[in-house]
Amino acid sequence: QVQLVESGGGLVQPGGSLRLSCAASGSVVSIRSMAWYRQAPGKECELVATITTAGTTDYADSVKGRFTISRDTAKNTAYLQMNSLKPEDTAVYYCRGTNLRFINYWGQGTQVTVSS
């Protein structure tokens, strides 16, 4: 079992920055990849960024050049650095961890609101 806890969300003005954290506990050695998703009101859940154990990253086109996913294996934590935030980035952001058996674990989500 893996437990994931997100933090770092909040209210920020357009053009501002936030860094989200996703702390993993439990069977963390079994995590092969981590990802960030987001869901805005009335919209489908969107994959934002992924990172593998090897450090390979991938991003949604809507966040490329603005968001950076990273992972500190010593701290069992993944991060999402979000710069140049836009109102359309407003959503609940979720962390997902996938283990070696391709079982997904989810955090509870953290709200990000971009507004002036």
C-alpha atoms as a PDB file:
ATOM      1  CA  GLN A   1       0.000   0.000   0.000  1.00  0.00           C
ATOM      2  CA  VAL A   2       1.100   3.537  -0.760  1.00  0.00           C
ATOM      3  CA  GLN A   3      -0.294   6.696   0.804  1.00  0.00           C
ATOM      4  CA  LEU A   4       0.038  10.037  -0.968  1.00  0.00           C
ATOM      5  CA  VAL A   5      -0.501  13.452   0.585  1.00  0.00           C
ATOM      6  CA  GLU A   6      -0.493  16.614  -1.520  1.00  0.00           C
ATOM      7  CA  SER A   7       0.224  20.097  -0.215  1.00  0.00           C
ATOM      8  CA  GLY A   8       1.132  23.541  -1.482  1.00  0.00           C
ATOM      9  CA  GLY A   9      -2.077  24.637  -3.135  1.00  0.00           C
ATOM     10  CA  GLY A  10      -3.632  28.036  -2.597  1.00  0.00           C
ATOM     11  CA  LEU A  11      -4.704  31.305  -4.145  1.00  0.00           C
ATOM     12  CA  VAL A  12      -2.279  33.068  -6.469  1.00  0.00           C
ATOM     13  CA  GLN A  13      -2.538  35.959  -8.893  1.00  0.00           C
ATOM     14  CA  PRO A  14      -2.146  35.426 -12.631  1.00  0.00           C
ATOM     15  CA  GLY A  15       1.529  35.269 -13.530  1.00  0.00           C
ATOM     16  CA  GLY A  16       2.435  33.958 -10.089  1.00  0.00           C
ATOM     17  CA  SER A  17       3.996  30.680  -8.998  1.00  0.00           C
ATOM     18  CA  LEU A  18       3.207  27.781  -6.698  1.00  0.00           C
ATOM     19  CA  ARG A  19       4.992  24.570  -5.847  1.00  0.00           C
ATOM     20  CA  LEU A  20       2.938  21.498  -5.071  1.00  0.00           C
ATOM     21  CA  SER A  21       4.351  18.614  -3.079  1.00  0.00           C
ATOM     22  CA  CYS A  22       3.260  14.981  -2.965  1.00  0.00           C
ATOM     23  CA  ALA A  23       4.673  13.014  -0.049  1.00  0.00           C
ATOM     24  CA  ALA A  24       4.562   9.235  -0.337  1.00  0.00           C
ATOM     25  CA  SER A  25       4.600   6.753   2.519  1.00  0.00           C
ATOM     26  CA  GLY A  26       4.121   3.024   2.877  1.00  0.00           C
ATOM     27  CA  SER A  27       5.543   0.747   0.177  1.00  0.00           C
ATOM     28  CA  VAL A  28       7.381   3.589  -1.551  1.00  0.00           C
ATOM     29  CA  VAL A  29      10.085   1.353  -3.015  1.00  0.00           C
ATOM     30  CA  SER A  30       7.440  -0.116  -5.276  1.00  0.00           C
ATOM     31  CA  ILE A  31       6.603   3.199  -6.960  1.00  0.00           C
ATOM     32  CA  ARG A  32       7.677   3.203 -10.595  1.00  0.00           C
ATOM     33  CA  SER A  33       6.262   6.536 -11.705  1.00  0.00           C
ATOM     34  CA  MET A  34       4.430   9.534 -10.360  1.00  0.00           C
ATOM     35  CA  ALA A  35       2.127  12.005 -12.016  1.00  0.00           C
ATOM     36  CA  TRP A  36       0.052  15.089 -11.440  1.00  0.00           C
ATOM     37  CA  TYR A  37      -3.503  15.398 -12.678  1.00  0.00           C
ATOM     38  CA  ARG A  38      -5.974  18.222 -12.341  1.00  0.00           C
ATOM     39  CA  GLN A  39      -9.714  18.619 -12.531  1.00  0.00           C
ATOM     40  CA  ALA A  40     -11.476  21.918 -12.991  1.00  0.00           C
ATOM     41  CA  PRO A  41     -15.194  22.334 -12.231  1.00  0.00           C
ATOM     42  CA  GLY A  42     -17.300  20.905 -15.022  1.00  0.00           C
ATOM     43  CA  LYS A  43     -14.271  19.517 -16.863  1.00  0.00           C
ATOM     44  CA  GLU A  44     -12.704  16.106 -17.233  1.00  0.00           C
ATOM     45  CA  CYS A  45      -9.656  15.116 -15.266  1.00  0.00           C
ATOM     46  CA  GLU A  46      -6.495  16.090 -17.169  1.00  0.00           C
ATOM     47  CA  LEU A  47      -3.034  14.538 -16.994  1.00  0.00           C
ATOM     48  CA  VAL A  48      -0.629  17.406 -16.331  1.00  0.00           C
ATOM     49  CA  ALA A  49       2.817  15.841 -15.952  1.00  0.00           C
ATOM     50  CA  THR A  50       4.537  12.508 -15.343  1.00  0.00           C
ATOM     51  CA  ILE A  51       7.951  11.417 -14.123  1.00  0.00           C
ATOM     52  CA  THR A  52       9.453   7.939 -14.135  1.00  0.00           C
ATOM     53  CA  THR A  53      11.948   6.395 -11.746  1.00  0.00           C
ATOM     54  CA  ALA A  54      14.636   7.151 -14.322  1.00  0.00           C
ATOM     55  CA  GLY A  55      13.647  10.814 -14.310  1.00  0.00           C
ATOM     56  CA  THR A  56      11.971  10.900 -17.699  1.00  0.00           C
ATOM     57  CA  THR A  57       9.294  13.583 -17.762  1.00  0.00           C
ATOM     58  CA  ASP A  58       6.334  14.411 -19.952  1.00  0.00           C
ATOM     59  CA  TYR A  59       3.874  17.294 -19.927  1.00  0.00           C
ATOM     60  CA  ALA A  60       0.502  18.283 -21.267  1.00  0.00           C
ATOM     61  CA  ASP A  61       0.815  20.818 -24.061  1.00  0.00           C
ATOM     62  CA  SER A  62      -1.126  23.324 -21.977  1.00  0.00           C
ATOM     63  CA  VAL A  63       1.607  23.477 -19.315  1.00  0.00           C
ATOM     64  CA  LYS A  64       4.818  22.902 -21.293  1.00  0.00           C
ATOM     65  CA  GLY A  65       7.390  25.558 -20.560  1.00  0.00           C
ATOM     66  CA  ARG A  66       5.537  26.691 -17.431  1.00  0.00           C
ATOM     67  CA  PHE A  67       5.348  23.635 -15.159  1.00  0.00           C
ATOM     68  CA  THR A  68       8.164  21.376 -14.021  1.00  0.00           C
ATOM     69  CA  ILE A  69       7.720  17.976 -12.373  1.00  0.00           C
ATOM     70  CA  SER A  70      10.522  16.618 -10.218  1.00  0.00           C
ATOM     71  CA  ARG A  71      11.098  13.862  -7.710  1.00  0.00           C
ATOM     72  CA  ASP A  72      13.256  13.564  -4.602  1.00  0.00           C
ATOM     73  CA  THR A  73      13.607   9.831  -4.022  1.00  0.00           C
ATOM     74  CA  ALA A  74      15.419  10.351  -0.708  1.00  0.00           C
ATOM     75  CA  LYS A  75      12.390  12.219   0.621  1.00  0.00           C
ATOM     76  CA  ASN A  76       9.841  10.069  -1.243  1.00  0.00           C
ATOM     77  CA  THR A  77       8.316  13.265  -2.553  1.00  0.00           C
ATOM     78  CA  ALA A  78       7.289  14.522  -5.968  1.00  0.00           C
ATOM     79  CA  TYR A  79       6.911  18.181  -6.808  1.00  0.00           C
ATOM     80  CA  LEU A  80       5.131  20.286  -9.384  1.00  0.00           C
ATOM     81  CA  GLN A  81       6.629  23.733  -9.840  1.00  0.00           C
ATOM     82  CA  MET A  82       4.056  25.930 -11.534  1.00  0.00           C
ATOM     83  CA  ASN A  83       5.141  29.265 -13.005  1.00  0.00           C
ATOM     84  CA  SER A  84       3.344  31.879 -15.087  1.00  0.00           C
ATOM     85  CA  LEU A  85       0.034  30.642 -13.760  1.00  0.00           C
ATOM     86  CA  LYS A  86      -3.131  31.449 -15.660  1.00  0.00           C
ATOM     87  CA  PRO A  87      -6.774  31.512 -14.529  1.00  0.00           C
ATOM     88  CA  GLU A  88      -7.355  28.391 -16.621  1.00  0.00           C
ATOM     89  CA  ASP A  89      -4.905  26.534 -14.382  1.00  0.00           C
ATOM     90  CA  THR A  90      -7.478  26.748 -11.586  1.00  0.00           C
ATOM     91  CA  ALA A  91      -8.352  23.212 -10.533  1.00  0.00           C
ATOM     92  CA  VAL A  92      -7.959  20.571  -7.875  1.00  0.00           C
ATOM     93  CA  TYR A  93      -4.561  18.976  -8.412  1.00  0.00           C
ATOM     94  CA  TYR A  94      -4.080  15.293  -7.627  1.00  0.00           C
ATOM     95  CA  CYS A  95      -0.944  13.224  -7.261  1.00  0.00           C
ATOM     96  CA  ARG A  96      -0.869   9.652  -8.591  1.00  0.00           C
ATOM     97  CA  GLY A  97       1.716   7.000  -7.853  1.00  0.00           C
ATOM     98  CA  THR A  98       1.957   3.801  -9.883  1.00  0.00           C
ATOM     99  CA  ASN A  99       3.641   0.730  -8.456  1.00  0.00           C
ATOM    100  CA  LEU A 100       5.543  -2.058 -10.164  1.00  0.00           C
ATOM    101  CA  ARG A 101       2.303  -3.987 -10.661  1.00  0.00           C
ATOM    102  CA  PHE A 102       0.709  -0.963 -12.343  1.00  0.00           C
ATOM    103  CA  ILE A 103      -1.623  -0.321  -9.432  1.00  0.00           C
ATOM    104  CA  ASN A 104      -2.424   3.381  -9.049  1.00  0.00           C
ATOM    105  CA  TYR A 105      -2.627   5.257  -5.768  1.00  0.00           C
ATOM    106  CA  TRP A 106      -4.110   8.725  -5.416  1.00  0.00           C
ATOM    107  CA  GLY A 107      -3.800  11.593  -3.021  1.00  0.00           C
ATOM    108  CA  GLN A 108      -6.723  13.594  -1.695  1.00  0.00           C
ATOM    109  CA  GLY A 109      -6.066  16.623  -3.908  1.00  0.00           C
ATOM    110  CA  THR A 110      -5.083  20.219  -3.312  1.00  0.00           C
ATOM    111  CA  GLN A 111      -6.931  23.275  -4.623  1.00  0.00           C
ATOM    112  CA  VAL A 112      -5.126  25.754  -6.844  1.00  0.00           C
ATOM    113  CA  THR A 113      -6.949  28.994  -7.628  1.00  0.00           C
ATOM    114  CA  VAL A 114      -5.496  31.565 -10.004  1.00  0.00           C
ATOM    115  CA  SER A 115      -7.365  34.833  -9.736  1.00  0.00           C
ATOM    116  CA  SER A 116      -6.790  38.542  -9.320  1.00  0.00           C
END
